[in-house]
Amino acid sequence: DPRKRTGPDACPYTSLYWDFLARNRKELAGNHRMSRQLAAM
């Protein structure tokens, strides 16, 4: 399910997306095009 980010039925893309932002928040912090996504994360 693309709407789910946790649990066995969560879409891998959705889970990985938020983990990607958290994992690379320092590297992406200076990118103004990512500010909204990082804030949501």
All heavy atoms as atom14 arrays in JSON, in Angstrom:
{
  "sequence": "DPRKRTGPDACPYTSLYWDFLARNRKELAGNHRMSRQLAAM",
  "atom14_mask": [
    [1, 1, 1, 1, 1, 1, 1, 1, 0, 0, 0, 0, 0, 0],
    [1, 1, 1, 1, 1, 1, 1, 0, 0, 0, 0, 0, 0, 0],
    [1, 1, 1, 1, 1, 1, 1, 1, 1, 1, 1, 0, 0, 0],
    [1, 1, 1, 1, 1, 1, 1, 1, 1, 0, 0, 0, 0, 0],
    [1, 1, 1, 1, 1, 1, 1, 1, 1, 1, 1, 0, 0, 0],
    [1, 1, 1, 1, 1, 1, 1, 0, 0, 0, 0, 0, 0, 0],
    [1, 1, 1, 1, 0, 0, 0, 0, 0, 0, 0, 0, 0, 0],
    [1, 1, 1, 1, 1, 1, 1, 0, 0, 0, 0, 0, 0, 0],
    [1, 1, 1, 1, 1, 1, 1, 1, 0, 0, 0, 0, 0, 0],
    [1, 1, 1, 1, 1, 0, 0, 0, 0, 0, 0, 0, 0, 0],
    [1, 1, 1, 1, 1, 1, 0, 0, 0, 0, 0, 0, 0, 0],
    [1, 1, 1, 1, 1, 1, 1, 0, 0, 0, 0, 0, 0, 0],
    [1, 1, 1, 1, 1, 1, 1, 1, 1, 1, 1, 1, 0, 0],
    [1, 1, 1, 1, 1, 1, 1, 0, 0, 0, 0, 0, 0, 0],
    [1, 1, 1, 1, 1, 1, 0, 0, 0, 0, 0, 0, 0, 0],
    [1, 1, 1, 1, 1, 1, 1, 1, 0, 0, 0, 0, 0, 0],
    [1, 1, 1, 1, 1, 1, 1, 1, 1, 1, 1, 1, 0, 0],
    [1, 1, 1, 1, 1, 1, 1, 1, 1, 1, 1, 1, 1, 1],
    [1, 1, 1, 1, 1, 1, 1, 1, 0, 0, 0, 0, 0, 0],
    [1, 1, 1, 1, 1, 1, 1, 1, 1, 1, 1, 0, 0, 0],
    [1, 1, 1, 1, 1, 1, 1, 1, 0, 0, 0, 0, 0, 0],
    [1, 1, 1, 1, 1, 0, 0, 0, 0, 0, 0, 0, 0, 0],
    [1, 1, 1, 1, 1, 1, 1, 1, 1, 1, 1, 0, 0, 0],
    [1, 1, 1, 1, 1, 1, 1, 1, 0, 0, 0, 0, 0, 0],
    [1, 1, 1, 1, 1, 1, 1, 1, 1, 1, 1, 0, 0, 0],
    [1, 1, 1, 1, 1, 1, 1, 1, 1, 0, 0, 0, 0, 0],
    [1, 1, 1, 1, 1, 1, 1, 1, 1, 0, 0, 0, 0, 0],
    [1, 1, 1, 1, 1, 1, 1, 1, 0, 0, 0, 0, 0, 0],
    [1, 1, 1, 1, 1, 0, 0, 0, 0, 0, 0, 0, 0, 0],
    [1, 1, 1, 1, 0, 0, 0, 0, 0, 0, 0, 0, 0, 0],
    [1, 1, 1, 1, 1, 1, 1, 1, 0, 0, 0, 0, 0, 0],
    [1, 1, 1, 1, 1, 1, 1, 1, 1, 1, 0, 0, 0, 0],
    [1, 1, 1, 1, 1, 1, 1, 1, 1, 1, 1, 0, 0, 0],
    [1, 1, 1, 1, 1, 1, 1, 1, 0, 0, 0, 0, 0, 0],
    [1, 1, 1, 1, 1, 1, 0, 0, 0, 0, 0, 0, 0, 0],
    [1, 1, 1, 1, 1, 1, 1, 1, 1, 1, 1, 0, 0, 0],
    [1, 1, 1, 1, 1, 1, 1, 1, 1, 0, 0, 0, 0, 0],
    [1, 1, 1, 1, 1, 1, 1, 1, 0, 0, 0, 0, 0, 0],
    [1, 1, 1, 1, 1, 0, 0, 0, 0, 0, 0, 0, 0, 0],
    [1, 1, 1, 1, 1, 0, 0, 0, 0, 0, 0, 0, 0, 0],
    [1, 1, 1, 1, 1, 1, 1, 1, 0, 0, 0, 0, 0, 0]
  ],
  "atom14_positions": [
    [[0.84, -1.19, 0.0], [0.0, 0.0, 0.0], [0.88, 1.25, 0.0], [1.62, 1.5, 0.95], [-0.88, 0.0, 1.25], [-1.93, 1.11, 1.23], [-1.76, 2.09, 0.49], [-2.91, 1.01, 2.0], [0.0, 0.0, 0.0], [0.0, 0.0, 0.0], [0.0, 0.0, 0.0], [0.0, 0.0, 0.0], [0.0, 0.0, 0.0], [0.0, 0.0, 0.0]],
    [[0.82, 2.06, -1.06], [1.68, 3.25, -1.13], [1.38, 4.29, -0.06], [2.2, 5.16, 0.21], [1.41, 3.81, -2.53], [0.07, 3.26, -2.91], [-0.02, 1.92, -2.26], [0.0, 0.0, 0.0], [0.0, 0.0, 0.0], [0.0, 0.0, 0.0], [0.0, 0.0, 0.0], [0.0, 0.0, 0.0], [0.0, 0.0, 0.0], [0.0, 0.0, 0.0]],
    [[0.22, 4.19, 0.6], [-0.13, 5.15, 1.65], [0.46, 4.77, 2.99], [0.48, 5.59, 3.91], [-1.65, 5.23, 1.77], [-2.35, 5.77, 0.52], [-3.83, 5.51, 0.57], [-4.12, 4.07, 0.59], [-5.34, 3.54, 0.6], [-6.39, 4.35, 0.6], [-5.52, 2.24, 0.6], [0.0, 0.0, 0.0], [0.0, 0.0, 0.0], [0.0, 0.0, 0.0]],
    [[0.95, 3.55, 3.12], [1.49, 3.09, 4.39], [3.02, 3.17, 4.38], [3.66, 2.83, 3.39], [1.06, 1.65, 4.67], [-0.43, 1.47, 4.88], [-0.76, 0.01, 5.22], [-2.25, -0.17, 5.47], [-2.57, -1.6, 5.8], [0.0, 0.0, 0.0], [0.0, 0.0, 0.0], [0.0, 0.0, 0.0], [0.0, 0.0, 0.0], [0.0, 0.0, 0.0]],
    [[3.58, 3.57, 5.51], [5.03, 3.64, 5.62], [5.59, 2.68, 6.67], [6.81, 2.53, 6.78], [5.48, 5.08, 5.92], [4.84, 5.73, 7.12], [5.31, 7.18, 7.27], [4.68, 7.84, 8.4], [3.67, 8.69, 8.31], [3.19, 9.0, 7.11], [3.13, 9.24, 9.38], [0.0, 0.0, 0.0], [0.0, 0.0, 0.0], [0.0, 0.0, 0.0]],
    [[4.72, 2.06, 7.46], [5.16, 1.05, 8.43], [4.27, -0.18, 8.31], [3.15, -0.1, 7.78], [5.08, 1.59, 9.87], [3.72, 1.91, 10.18], [5.97, 2.8, 10.06], [0.0, 0.0, 0.0], [0.0, 0.0, 0.0], [0.0, 0.0, 0.0], [0.0, 0.0, 0.0], [0.0, 0.0, 0.0], [0.0, 0.0, 0.0], [0.0, 0.0, 0.0]],
    [[4.78, -1.3, 8.81], [4.02, -2.54, 8.77], [4.36, -3.38, 7.56], [4.98, -2.9, 6.6], [0.0, 0.0, 0.0], [0.0, 0.0, 0.0], [0.0, 0.0, 0.0], [0.0, 0.0, 0.0], [0.0, 0.0, 0.0], [0.0, 0.0, 0.0], [0.0, 0.0, 0.0], [0.0, 0.0, 0.0], [0.0, 0.0, 0.0], [0.0, 0.0, 0.0]],
    [[3.94, -4.64, 7.56], [4.31, -5.57, 6.49], [3.73, -5.23, 5.13], [4.26, -5.66, 4.1], [3.77, -6.92, 7.0], [2.69, -6.56, 7.98], [3.13, -5.3, 8.63], [0.0, 0.0, 0.0], [0.0, 0.0, 0.0], [0.0, 0.0, 0.0], [0.0, 0.0, 0.0], [0.0, 0.0, 0.0], [0.0, 0.0, 0.0], [0.0, 0.0, 0.0]],
    [[2.65, -4.46, 5.11], [2.03, -4.08, 3.83], [2.46, -2.7, 3.35], [1.97, -2.22, 2.32], [0.51, -4.12, 3.94], [-0.02, -5.53, 4.19], [0.65, -6.49, 3.76], [-1.07, -5.67, 4.84], [0.0, 0.0, 0.0], [0.0, 0.0, 0.0], [0.0, 0.0, 0.0], [0.0, 0.0, 0.0], [0.0, 0.0, 0.0], [0.0, 0.0, 0.0]],
    [[3.33, -2.05, 4.08], [3.78, -0.71, 3.67], [4.56, -0.79, 2.37], [5.38, -1.69, 2.16], [4.65, -0.1, 4.77], [0.0, 0.0, 0.0], [0.0, 0.0, 0.0], [0.0, 0.0, 0.0], [0.0, 0.0, 0.0], [0.0, 0.0, 0.0], [0.0, 0.0, 0.0], [0.0, 0.0, 0.0], [0.0, 0.0, 0.0], [0.0, 0.0, 0.0]],
    [[4.32, 0.16, 1.49], [5.05, 0.2, 0.21], [6.53, 0.42, 0.49], [6.91, 1.38, 1.18], [4.51, 1.32, -0.66], [5.43, 1.56, -2.2], [0.0, 0.0, 0.0], [0.0, 0.0, 0.0], [0.0, 0.0, 0.0], [0.0, 0.0, 0.0], [0.0, 0.0, 0.0], [0.0, 0.0, 0.0], [0.0, 0.0, 0.0], [0.0, 0.0, 0.0]],
    [[7.4, -0.43, -0.03], [8.85, -0.23, 0.19], [9.33, 1.14, -0.22], [10.21, 1.72, 0.43], [9.47, -1.34, -0.65], [8.43, -2.42, -0.67], [7.12, -1.69, -0.73], [0.0, 0.0, 0.0], [0.0, 0.0, 0.0], [0.0, 0.0, 0.0], [0.0, 0.0, 0.0], [0.0, 0.0, 0.0], [0.0, 0.0, 0.0], [0.0, 0.0, 0.0]],
    [[8.77, 1.7, -1.3], [9.19, 3.04, -1.73], [8.88, 4.09, -0.66], [9.68, 5.0, -0.42], [8.51, 3.43, -3.04], [9.09, 2.77, -4.25], [8.58, 1.55, -4.71], [10.14, 3.34, -4.96], [9.11, 0.93, -5.83], [10.68, 2.74, -6.07], [10.17, 1.53, -6.5], [10.7, 0.91, -7.59], [0.0, 0.0, 0.0], [0.0, 0.0, 0.0]],
    [[7.71, 3.97, -0.05], [7.31, 4.95, 0.95], [8.2, 4.87, 2.19], [8.66, 5.9, 2.71], [5.84, 4.75, 1.32], [5.04, 4.82, 0.13], [5.36, 5.81, 2.29], [0.0, 0.0, 0.0], [0.0, 0.0, 0.0], [0.0, 0.0, 0.0], [0.0, 0.0, 0.0], [0.0, 0.0, 0.0], [0.0, 0.0, 0.0], [0.0, 0.0, 0.0]],
    [[8.46, 3.66, 2.66], [9.34, 3.5, 3.82], [10.74, 3.98, 3.51], [11.36, 4.71, 4.3], [9.37, 2.03, 4.25], [8.08, 1.54, 4.53], [0.0, 0.0, 0.0], [0.0, 0.0, 0.0], [0.0, 0.0, 0.0], [0.0, 0.0, 0.0], [0.0, 0.0, 0.0], [0.0, 0.0, 0.0], [0.0, 0.0, 0.0], [0.0, 0.0, 0.0]],
    [[11.26, 3.58, 2.35], [12.62, 3.95, 1.99], [12.76, 5.45, 1.77], [13.82, 6.03, 2.05], [13.05, 3.2, 0.72], [13.3, 1.7, 0.87], [13.48, 1.06, -0.5], [14.52, 1.44, 1.75], [0.0, 0.0, 0.0], [0.0, 0.0, 0.0], [0.0, 0.0, 0.0], [0.0, 0.0, 0.0], [0.0, 0.0, 0.0], [0.0, 0.0, 0.0]],
    [[11.73, 6.1, 1.26], [11.79, 7.53, 0.99], [12.08, 8.32, 2.27], [12.99, 9.16, 2.33], [10.48, 8.01, 0.37], [10.39, 9.51, 0.23], [11.17, 10.19, -0.69], [9.51, 10.24, 1.03], [11.08, 11.57, -0.81], [9.42, 11.61, 0.91], [10.21, 12.28, -0.01], [10.13, 13.65, -0.13], [0.0, 0.0, 0.0], [0.0, 0.0, 0.0]],
    [[11.3, 8.05, 3.32], [11.5, 8.79, 4.56], [12.82, 8.43, 5.22], [13.49, 9.28, 5.81], [10.33, 8.53, 5.5], [9.04, 9.06, 4.97], [7.95, 8.33, 4.55], [8.7, 10.43, 4.78], [6.97, 9.17, 4.1], [7.39, 10.46, 4.23], [9.35, 11.64, 5.01], [6.74, 11.66, 3.91], [8.7, 12.83, 4.69], [7.42, 12.83, 4.15]],
    [[13.22, 7.18, 5.09], [14.52, 6.78, 5.63], [15.66, 7.46, 4.87], [16.66, 7.87, 5.46], [14.68, 5.26, 5.55], [16.02, 4.79, 6.07], [16.25, 4.88, 7.29], [16.85, 4.35, 5.25], [0.0, 0.0, 0.0], [0.0, 0.0, 0.0], [0.0, 0.0, 0.0], [0.0, 0.0, 0.0], [0.0, 0.0, 0.0], [0.0, 0.0, 0.0]],
    [[15.5, 7.61, 3.56], [16.51, 8.3, 2.74], [16.7, 9.73, 3.22], [17.83, 10.2, 3.36], [16.08, 8.27, 1.27], [16.9, 9.16, 0.38], [18.15, 8.78, -0.05], [16.4, 10.4, -0.02], [18.91, 9.61, -0.87], [17.14, 11.24, -0.84], [18.4, 10.84, -1.26], [0.0, 0.0, 0.0], [0.0, 0.0, 0.0], [0.0, 0.0, 0.0]],
    [[15.59, 10.43, 3.48], [15.69, 11.8, 3.95], [16.36, 11.87, 5.33], [17.22, 12.73, 5.57], [14.3, 12.43, 4.03], [13.56, 12.62, 2.71], [12.2, 13.27, 2.95], [14.36, 13.46, 1.73], [0.0, 0.0, 0.0], [0.0, 0.0, 0.0], [0.0, 0.0, 0.0], [0.0, 0.0, 0.0], [0.0, 0.0, 0.0], [0.0, 0.0, 0.0]],
    [[15.98, 10.95, 6.21], [16.58, 10.94, 7.55], [18.05, 10.58, 7.5], [18.87, 11.18, 8.2], [15.82, 9.96, 8.44], [0.0, 0.0, 0.0], [0.0, 0.0, 0.0], [0.0, 0.0, 0.0], [0.0, 0.0, 0.0], [0.0, 0.0, 0.0], [0.0, 0.0, 0.0], [0.0, 0.0, 0.0], [0.0, 0.0, 0.0], [0.0, 0.0, 0.0]],
    [[18.38, 9.64, 6.65], [19.77, 9.16, 6.54], [20.7, 10.23, 5.98], [21.88, 10.3, 6.31], [19.78, 7.91, 5.66], [21.05, 7.1, 5.68], [20.85, 5.77, 4.95], [20.7, 5.9, 3.52], [19.63, 5.56, 2.84], [18.54, 5.11, 3.46], [19.58, 5.69, 1.53], [0.0, 0.0, 0.0], [0.0, 0.0, 0.0], [0.0, 0.0, 0.0]],
    [[20.16, 11.09, 5.11], [20.99, 12.06, 4.39], [20.6, 13.51, 4.72], [20.86, 14.41, 3.93], [20.87, 11.83, 2.88], [21.37, 10.48, 2.45], [22.56, 10.21, 2.47], [20.44, 9.6, 2.07], [0.0, 0.0, 0.0], [0.0, 0.0, 0.0], [0.0, 0.0, 0.0], [0.0, 0.0, 0.0], [0.0, 0.0, 0.0], [0.0, 0.0, 0.0]],
    [[20.01, 13.72, 5.89], [19.5, 15.06, 6.2], [20.62, 16.11, 6.22], [20.41, 17.25, 5.79], [18.74, 15.05, 7.53], [19.6, 14.83, 8.76], [18.71, 14.83, 10.02], [18.06, 13.53, 10.19], [17.11, 13.3, 11.08], [16.67, 14.29, 11.84], [16.58, 12.11, 11.21], [0.0, 0.0, 0.0], [0.0, 0.0, 0.0], [0.0, 0.0, 0.0]],
    [[21.8, 15.73, 6.67], [22.91, 16.69, 6.71], [23.34, 17.08, 5.3], [23.59, 18.26, 5.01], [24.08, 16.11, 7.48], [23.84, 15.99, 8.99], [25.08, 15.48, 9.7], [24.85, 15.38, 11.2], [26.06, 14.87, 11.92], [0.0, 0.0, 0.0], [0.0, 0.0, 0.0], [0.0, 0.0, 0.0], [0.0, 0.0, 0.0], [0.0, 0.0, 0.0]],
    [[23.44, 16.08, 4.42], [23.89, 16.34, 3.05], [22.86, 17.16, 2.27], [23.21, 17.91, 1.36], [24.16, 15.03, 2.33], [25.39, 14.27, 2.81], [25.13, 13.47, 4.08], [23.98, 13.48, 4.58], [26.08, 12.85, 4.58], [0.0, 0.0, 0.0], [0.0, 0.0, 0.0], [0.0, 0.0, 0.0], [0.0, 0.0, 0.0], [0.0, 0.0, 0.0]],
    [[21.57, 17.01, 2.63], [20.51, 17.68, 1.88], [20.04, 18.97, 2.53], [19.22, 19.68, 1.96], [19.31, 16.72, 1.74], [19.58, 15.39, 1.04], [18.33, 14.52, 1.05], [20.06, 15.61, -0.39], [0.0, 0.0, 0.0], [0.0, 0.0, 0.0], [0.0, 0.0, 0.0], [0.0, 0.0, 0.0], [0.0, 0.0, 0.0], [0.0, 0.0, 0.0]],
    [[20.55, 19.27, 3.71], [20.05, 20.43, 4.47], [20.23, 21.74, 3.71], [19.41, 22.66, 3.84], [20.75, 20.49, 5.82], [0.0, 0.0, 0.0], [0.0, 0.0, 0.0], [0.0, 0.0, 0.0], [0.0, 0.0, 0.0], [0.0, 0.0, 0.0], [0.0, 0.0, 0.0], [0.0, 0.0, 0.0], [0.0, 0.0, 0.0], [0.0, 0.0, 0.0]],
    [[21.29, 21.86, 2.92], [21.54, 23.11, 2.21], [20.83, 23.22, 0.87], [20.97, 24.23, 0.19], [0.0, 0.0, 0.0], [0.0, 0.0, 0.0], [0.0, 0.0, 0.0], [0.0, 0.0, 0.0], [0.0, 0.0, 0.0], [0.0, 0.0, 0.0], [0.0, 0.0, 0.0], [0.0, 0.0, 0.0], [0.0, 0.0, 0.0], [0.0, 0.0, 0.0]],
    [[20.05, 22.21, 0.49], [19.33, 22.22, -0.78], [17.95, 22.82, -0.57], [17.08, 22.2, 0.05], [19.23, 20.78, -1.32], [18.69, 20.73, -2.74], [17.75, 21.43, -3.08], [19.28, 19.87, -3.56], [0.0, 0.0, 0.0], [0.0, 0.0, 0.0], [0.0, 0.0, 0.0], [0.0, 0.0, 0.0], [0.0, 0.0, 0.0], [0.0, 0.0, 0.0]],
    [[17.72, 24.01, -1.09], [16.44, 24.7, -0.85], [15.26, 23.94, -1.43], [14.13, 24.09, -0.95], [16.49, 26.13, -1.41], [16.45, 26.2, -2.9], [17.57, 26.0, -3.7], [15.42, 26.44, -3.76], [17.24, 26.13, -4.97], [15.95, 26.39, -5.04], [0.0, 0.0, 0.0], [0.0, 0.0, 0.0], [0.0, 0.0, 0.0], [0.0, 0.0, 0.0]],
    [[15.49, 23.12, -2.45], [14.39, 22.37, -3.05], [13.97, 21.19, -2.19], [12.95, 20.56, -2.47], [14.79, 21.88, -4.44], [15.06, 22.98, -5.44], [15.13, 22.43, -6.85], [13.84, 21.91, -7.29], [13.68, 21.21, -8.42], [14.72, 20.93, -9.19], [12.47, 20.77, -8.76], [0.0, 0.0, 0.0], [0.0, 0.0, 0.0], [0.0, 0.0, 0.0]],
    [[14.74, 20.9, -1.15], [14.4, 19.79, -0.27], [13.91, 20.25, 1.1], [13.63, 19.43, 1.97], [15.62, 18.88, -0.09], [16.13, 18.23, -1.36], [14.89, 17.16, -2.12], [14.67, 15.9, -0.87], [0.0, 0.0, 0.0], [0.0, 0.0, 0.0], [0.0, 0.0, 0.0], [0.0, 0.0, 0.0], [0.0, 0.0, 0.0], [0.0, 0.0, 0.0]],
    [[13.81, 21.54, 1.31], [13.48, 22.05, 2.65], [12.09, 21.6, 3.11], [11.91, 21.22, 4.28], [13.56, 23.58, 2.66], [12.71, 24.14, 1.67], [0.0, 0.0, 0.0], [0.0, 0.0, 0.0], [0.0, 0.0, 0.0], [0.0, 0.0, 0.0], [0.0, 0.0, 0.0], [0.0, 0.0, 0.0], [0.0, 0.0, 0.0], [0.0, 0.0, 0.0]],
    [[11.12, 21.62, 2.22], [9.77, 21.22, 2.61], [9.71, 19.73, 2.96], [9.09, 19.35, 3.96], [8.79, 21.52, 1.47], [7.34, 21.18, 1.79], [6.43, 21.53, 0.64], [6.49, 22.95, 0.33], [5.82, 23.51, -0.68], [5.07, 22.75, -1.49], [5.9, 24.8, -0.91], [0.0, 0.0, 0.0], [0.0, 0.0, 0.0], [0.0, 0.0, 0.0]],
    [[10.4, 18.91, 2.17], [10.39, 17.47, 2.44], [11.09, 17.15, 3.76], [10.64, 16.31, 4.53], [11.07, 16.71, 1.29], [10.32, 16.79, -0.03], [10.76, 17.96, -0.9], [11.04, 19.05, -0.39], [10.82, 17.73, -2.2], [0.0, 0.0, 0.0], [0.0, 0.0, 0.0], [0.0, 0.0, 0.0], [0.0, 0.0, 0.0], [0.0, 0.0, 0.0]],
    [[12.22, 17.82, 4.0], [12.94, 17.58, 5.25], [12.13, 18.04, 6.46], [12.15, 17.4, 7.52], [14.29, 18.3, 5.21], [15.32, 17.72, 4.23], [16.53, 18.63, 4.14], [15.75, 16.32, 4.64], [0.0, 0.0, 0.0], [0.0, 0.0, 0.0], [0.0, 0.0, 0.0], [0.0, 0.0, 0.0], [0.0, 0.0, 0.0], [0.0, 0.0, 0.0]],
    [[11.4, 19.14, 6.29], [10.55, 19.6, 7.38], [9.44, 18.61, 7.67], [9.12, 18.34, 8.84], [9.97, 20.97, 7.04], [0.0, 0.0, 0.0], [0.0, 0.0, 0.0], [0.0, 0.0, 0.0], [0.0, 0.0, 0.0], [0.0, 0.0, 0.0], [0.0, 0.0, 0.0], [0.0, 0.0, 0.0], [0.0, 0.0, 0.0], [0.0, 0.0, 0.0]],
    [[8.86, 18.04, 6.62], [7.8, 17.04, 6.81], [8.35, 15.79, 7.48], [7.69, 15.19, 8.34], [7.18, 16.69, 5.47], [0.0, 0.0, 0.0], [0.0, 0.0, 0.0], [0.0, 0.0, 0.0], [0.0, 0.0, 0.0], [0.0, 0.0, 0.0], [0.0, 0.0, 0.0], [0.0, 0.0, 0.0], [0.0, 0.0, 0.0], [0.0, 0.0, 0.0]],
    [[9.53, 15.39, 7.09], [10.15, 14.23, 7.71], [10.37, 14.46, 9.2], [10.15, 13.56, 10.04], [11.49, 13.93, 7.02], [12.25, 12.72, 7.54], [13.42, 13.19, 8.87], [14.52, 14.29, 8.0], [0.0, 0.0, 0.0], [0.0, 0.0, 0.0], [0.0, 0.0, 0.0], [0.0, 0.0, 0.0], [0.0, 0.0, 0.0], [0.0, 0.0, 0.0]]
  ]
}
